[in-house]
C-alpha atoms as a PDB file:
ATOM      1  CA  MET A   1      90.332 102.395 117.011  1.00  0.00           C
ATOM      2  CA  GLN A   2      88.501 100.732 114.112  1.00  0.00           C
ATOM      3  CA  GLU A   3      87.950  96.671 113.927  1.00  0.00           C
ATOM      4  CA  GLN A   4      89.945  95.712 111.770  1.00  0.00           C
ATOM      5  CA  ASN A   5      89.096  92.708 108.700  1.00  0.00           C
ATOM      6  CA  PHE A   6      89.695  91.928 105.236  1.00  0.00           C
ATOM      7  CA  ARG A   7      89.078  95.316 103.440  1.00  0.00           C
ATOM      8  CA  ASN A   8      90.766  98.008 106.000  1.00  0.00           C
ATOM      9  CA  HIS A   9      93.724  95.679 107.330  1.00  0.00           C
ATOM     10  CA  PRO A  10      96.881  97.342 105.287  1.00  0.00           C
ATOM     11  CA  ARG A  11      97.722 100.331 106.435  1.00  0.00           C
ATOM     12  CA  TYR A  12      98.697 103.683 104.652  1.00  0.00           C
ATOM     13  CA  VAL A  13     100.709 106.332 106.173  1.00  0.00           C
ATOM     14  CA  PRO A  14      99.869 109.313 104.433  1.00  0.00           C
ATOM     15  CA  GLY A  15     102.864 111.060 104.983  1.00  0.00           C
ATOM     16  CA  PHE A  16     104.828 108.553 103.443  1.00  0.00           C
ATOM     17  CA  HIS A  17     103.280 106.688 100.775  1.00  0.00           C
ATOM     18  CA  PHE A  18     101.759 109.962  99.367  1.00  0.00           C
ATOM     19  CA  ILE A  19     103.218 112.751  99.562  1.00  0.00           C
ATOM     20  CA  THR A  20     107.271 111.410 100.199  1.00  0.00           C
ATOM     21  CA  PHE A  21     106.571 109.410  97.236  1.00  0.00           C
ATOM     22  CA  SER A  22     104.439 112.030  95.036  1.00  0.00           C
ATOM     23  CA  VAL A  23     107.608 114.551  95.618  1.00  0.00           C
ATOM     24  CA  ILE A  24     110.345 112.165  95.069  1.00  0.00           C
ATOM     25  CA  LEU A  25     108.446 111.545  91.715  1.00  0.00           C
ATOM     26  CA  ALA A  26     108.325 114.739  91.207  1.00  0.00           C
ATOM     27  CA  ALA A  27     111.841 115.864  91.837  1.00  0.00           C
ATOM     28  CA  LEU A  28     112.836 112.757  89.543  1.00  0.00           C
ATOM     29  CA  VAL A  29     110.596 114.315  86.923  1.00  0.00           C
ATOM     30  CA  ILE A  30     112.126 117.805  87.002  1.00  0.00           C
ATOM     31  CA  ALA A  31     115.884 115.787  86.923  1.00  0.00           C
ATOM     32  CA  VAL A  32     115.256 113.801  84.155  1.00  0.00           C
ATOM     33  CA  THR A  33     113.913 117.396  82.428  1.00  0.00           C
ATOM     34  CA  LEU A  34     116.617 119.389  83.307  1.00  0.00           C
ATOM     35  CA  LEU A  35     118.910 116.809  82.180  1.00  0.00           C
ATOM     36  CA  ILE A  36     117.512 117.150  78.798  1.00  0.00           C
ATOM     37  CA  SER A  37     116.933 120.339  78.336  1.00  0.00           C
ATOM     38  CA  ASP A  38     119.947 121.903  79.661  1.00  0.00           C
ATOM     39  CA  GLY A  39     122.359 118.662  78.297  1.00  0.00           C
ATOM     40  CA  ILE A  40     124.304 117.185  80.901  1.00  0.00           C
ATOM     41  CA  ASN A  41     126.607 119.653  82.965  1.00  0.00           C
ATOM     42  CA  GLY A  42     127.181 119.055  86.554  1.00  0.00           C
ATOM     43  CA  ASN A  43     123.917 120.431  88.079  1.00  0.00           C
ATOM     44  CA  ALA A  44     121.835 118.398  85.999  1.00  0.00           C
ATOM     45  CA  LEU A  45     123.475 115.585  86.768  1.00  0.00           C
ATOM     46  CA  LEU A  46     123.762 115.751  90.228  1.00  0.00           C
ATOM     47  CA  GLY A  47     120.298 117.037  90.381  1.00  0.00           C
ATOM     48  CA  LEU A  48     119.233 113.898  88.875  1.00  0.00           C
ATOM     49  CA  LEU A  49     121.955 111.572  91.557  1.00  0.00           C
ATOM     50  CA  VAL A  50     120.319 113.354  94.780  1.00  0.00           C
ATOM     51  CA  THR A  51     116.695 112.201  93.115  1.00  0.00           C
ATOM     52  CA  LEU A  52     117.913 109.028  92.052  1.00  0.00           C
ATOM     53  CA  SER A  53     119.908 108.492  95.872  1.00  0.00           C
ATOM     54  CA  LEU A  54     116.097 109.366  97.332  1.00  0.00           C
ATOM     55  CA  ALA A  55     113.886 106.931  95.466  1.00  0.00           C
ATOM     56  CA  LEU A  56     116.011 104.616  96.877  1.00  0.00           C
ATOM     57  CA  LEU A  57     115.937 104.863 100.081  1.00  0.00           C
ATOM     58  CA  PHE A  58     112.391 105.294 100.157  1.00  0.00           C
ATOM     59  CA  PHE A  59     112.067 102.347  98.415  1.00  0.00           C
ATOM     60  CA  TYR A  60     114.818 100.226 100.591  1.00  0.00           C
ATOM     61  CA  THR A  61     113.427 101.910 103.759  1.00  0.00           C
ATOM     62  CA  ARG A  62     109.698 100.167 103.090  1.00  0.00           C
ATOM     63  CA  GLN A  63     111.817  97.282 101.934  1.00  0.00           C
ATOM     64  CA  PHE A  64     113.932  96.818 104.535  1.00  0.00           C
ATOM     65  CA  ALA A  65     110.931  97.348 107.740  1.00  0.00           C
ATOM     66  CA  THR A  66     108.910  95.300 106.170  1.00  0.00           C
ATOM     67  CA  GLY A  67     111.068  92.306 106.080  1.00  0.00           C
ATOM     68  CA  ASN A  68     112.011  92.586 108.681  1.00  0.00           C
ATOM     69  CA  GLN A  69     108.111  92.872 110.587  1.00  0.00           C
ATOM     70  CA  ASP A  70     107.413  89.532 108.201  1.00  0.00           C
ATOM     71  CA  ARG A  71     110.720  87.284 110.219  1.00  0.00           C
ATOM     72  CA  ILE A  72     109.196  88.641 113.557  1.00  0.00           C
ATOM     73  CA  ILE A  73     105.865  87.667 112.182  1.00  0.00           C
ATOM     74  CA  ARG A  74     107.548  84.586 111.042  1.00  0.00           C
ATOM     75  CA  ALA A  75     108.876  83.592 114.263  1.00  0.00           C
ATOM     76  CA  GLU A  76     105.420  85.057 116.039  1.00  0.00           C
ATOM     77  CA  GLU A  77     103.409  82.396 114.421  1.00  0.00           C
ATOM     78  CA  ASN A  78     105.700  79.674 114.774  1.00  0.00           C
ATOM     79  CA  LEU A  79     105.350  80.035 118.414  1.00  0.00           C
ATOM     80  CA  ARG A  80     101.480  80.218 118.050  1.00  0.00           C
ATOM     81  CA  CYS A  81     101.714  77.696 115.783  1.00  0.00           C
ATOM     82  CA  TYR A  82     103.401  75.534 117.892  1.00  0.00           C
ATOM     83  CA  GLU A  83     100.813  76.227 121.046  1.00  0.00           C
ATOM     84  CA  LEU A  84      97.270  75.395 118.694  1.00  0.00           C
ATOM     85  CA  THR A  85      98.726  71.464 117.143  1.00  0.00           C
ATOM     86  CA  GLY A  86     101.774  70.964 118.554  1.00  0.00           C
ATOM     87  CA  LYS A  87     103.797  71.468 115.892  1.00  0.00           C
ATOM     88  CA  LYS A  88     106.312  74.407 113.961  1.00  0.00           C
ATOM     89  CA  LEU A  89     104.643  75.860 110.900  1.00  0.00           C
ATOM     90  CA  ASP A  90     104.712  73.340 107.639  1.00  0.00           C
ATOM     91  CA  GLY A  91     107.457  74.311 105.464  1.00  0.00           C
ATOM     92  CA  ARG A  92     105.236  74.158 102.713  1.00  0.00           C
ATOM     93  CA  LEU A  93     103.422  77.498 103.951  1.00  0.00           C
ATOM     94  CA  SER A  94     105.033  80.913 102.078  1.00  0.00           C
ATOM     95  CA  ARG A  95     105.932  83.701 103.571  1.00  0.00           C
ATOM     96  CA  GLU A  96     102.649  85.489 102.620  1.00  0.00           C
ATOM     97  CA  GLN A  97     100.499  82.729 103.829  1.00  0.00           C
ATOM     98  CA  VAL A  98     101.941  82.603 107.242  1.00  0.00           C
ATOM     99  CA  ILE A  99     101.338  86.376 107.480  1.00  0.00           C
ATOM    100  CA  ALA A 100      97.820  86.096 106.223  1.00  0.00           C
ATOM    101  CA  LEU A 101      96.951  82.908 108.689  1.00  0.00           C
ATOM    102  CA  ARG A 102      98.202  85.587 111.763  1.00  0.00           C
ATOM    103  CA  PHE A 103      95.094  87.215 111.046  1.00  0.00           C
ATOM    104  CA  ALA A 104      92.834  84.380 111.982  1.00  0.00           C
ATOM    105  CA  ASP A 105      91.323  84.060 115.490  1.00  0.00           C
ATOM    106  CA  ASP A 106      93.012  81.114 117.572  1.00  0.00           C
ATOM    107  CA  ALA A 107      89.526  78.738 117.654  1.00  0.00           C
ATOM    108  CA  GLU A 108      89.130  78.455 113.443  1.00  0.00           C
ATOM    109  CA  TYR A 109      93.590  78.531 113.250  1.00  0.00           C
ATOM    110  CA  GLU A 110      93.783  74.983 112.609  1.00  0.00           C
ATOM    111  CA  GLU A 111      91.554  74.475 110.551  1.00  0.00           C
ATOM    112  CA  LEU A 112      92.444  77.079 108.270  1.00  0.00           C
ATOM    113  CA  TYR A 113      95.934  76.699 108.572  1.00  0.00           C
ATOM    114  CA  ALA A 114      95.172  72.686 107.964  1.00  0.00           C
ATOM    115  CA  ARG A 115      93.783  74.575 104.081  1.00  0.00           C
ATOM    116  CA  ALA A 116      96.023  76.459 103.549  1.00  0.00           C
ATOM    117  CA  ILE A 117      98.418  73.720 103.198  1.00  0.00           C
ATOM    118  CA  ASN A 118      96.465  71.191 101.819  1.00  0.00           C
ATOM    119  CA  GLN A 119      94.094  72.930  99.155  1.00  0.00           C
ATOM    120  CA  LYS A 120      97.678  75.561  98.712  1.00  0.00           C
ATOM    121  CA  LEU A 121      95.082  79.045  99.565  1.00  0.00           C
ATOM    122  CA  SER A 122      96.532  81.952  98.612  1.00  0.00           C
ATOM    123  CA  PRO A 123      96.929  84.839 101.151  1.00  0.00           C
ATOM    124  CA  LYS A 124      93.865  86.464  99.801  1.00  0.00           C
ATOM    125  CA  ASN A 125      91.474  83.591  99.836  1.00  0.00           C
ATOM    126  CA  ILE A 126      93.218  82.589 103.962  1.00  0.00           C
ATOM    127  CA  LYS A 127      92.204  86.522 104.594  1.00  0.00           C
ATOM    128  CA  LYS A 128      88.763  86.128 102.759  1.00  0.00           C
ATOM    129  CA  ALA A 129      87.927  82.774 104.692  1.00  0.00           C
ATOM    130  CA  ILE A 130      88.955  84.335 108.092  1.00  0.00           C
ATOM    131  CA  HIS A 131      84.819  85.067 110.144  1.00  0.00           C
ATOM    132  CA  ASN A 132      86.743  86.122 113.095  1.00  0.00           C
ATOM    133  CA  TRP A 133      89.351  88.739 112.497  1.00  0.00           C
ATOM    134  CA  ARG A 134      92.404  89.220 114.820  1.00  0.00           C
ATOM    135  CA  ALA A 135      93.863  92.521 114.619  1.00  0.00           C
ATOM    136  CA  ASP A 136      97.295  93.292 114.073  1.00  0.00           C
ATOM    137  CA  HIS A 137      97.461  97.708 114.713  1.00  0.00           C
ATOM    138  CA  HIS A 138     101.409  96.872 115.166  1.00  0.00           C
ATOM    139  CA  ARG A 139     102.182  96.013 111.418  1.00  0.00           C
ATOM    140  CA  VAL A 140     104.021  99.444 109.883  1.00  0.00           C
END
């Protein structure tokens, strides 16, 4: 498996992120076009409703999965923070900052954790400050 770092850590599943999204988008364009050209009729309206439901399903499927993963990451990082610093995660850290900190190696965690709080580092800047990347190959 390729070594993970700041540049390559986002994960995309082409079949989901690109193909499925493109098919739903094309269906939406066709449904709206048919609705406009044919006028409001049962078939055109049904096509639009089915397409909109697929678009919502596509969006919420992703949101529910990543929302659940974010909760799991926060719990894991709370335990990790306690093990490394003797304290629970600071409440001033945002969800995005905690998620970014998970990539920091244990050796640099405490210093970066303190900087993230005191300097209010953005998640992007937290990730850029990491020298020894701790990969997460399980994120969806």
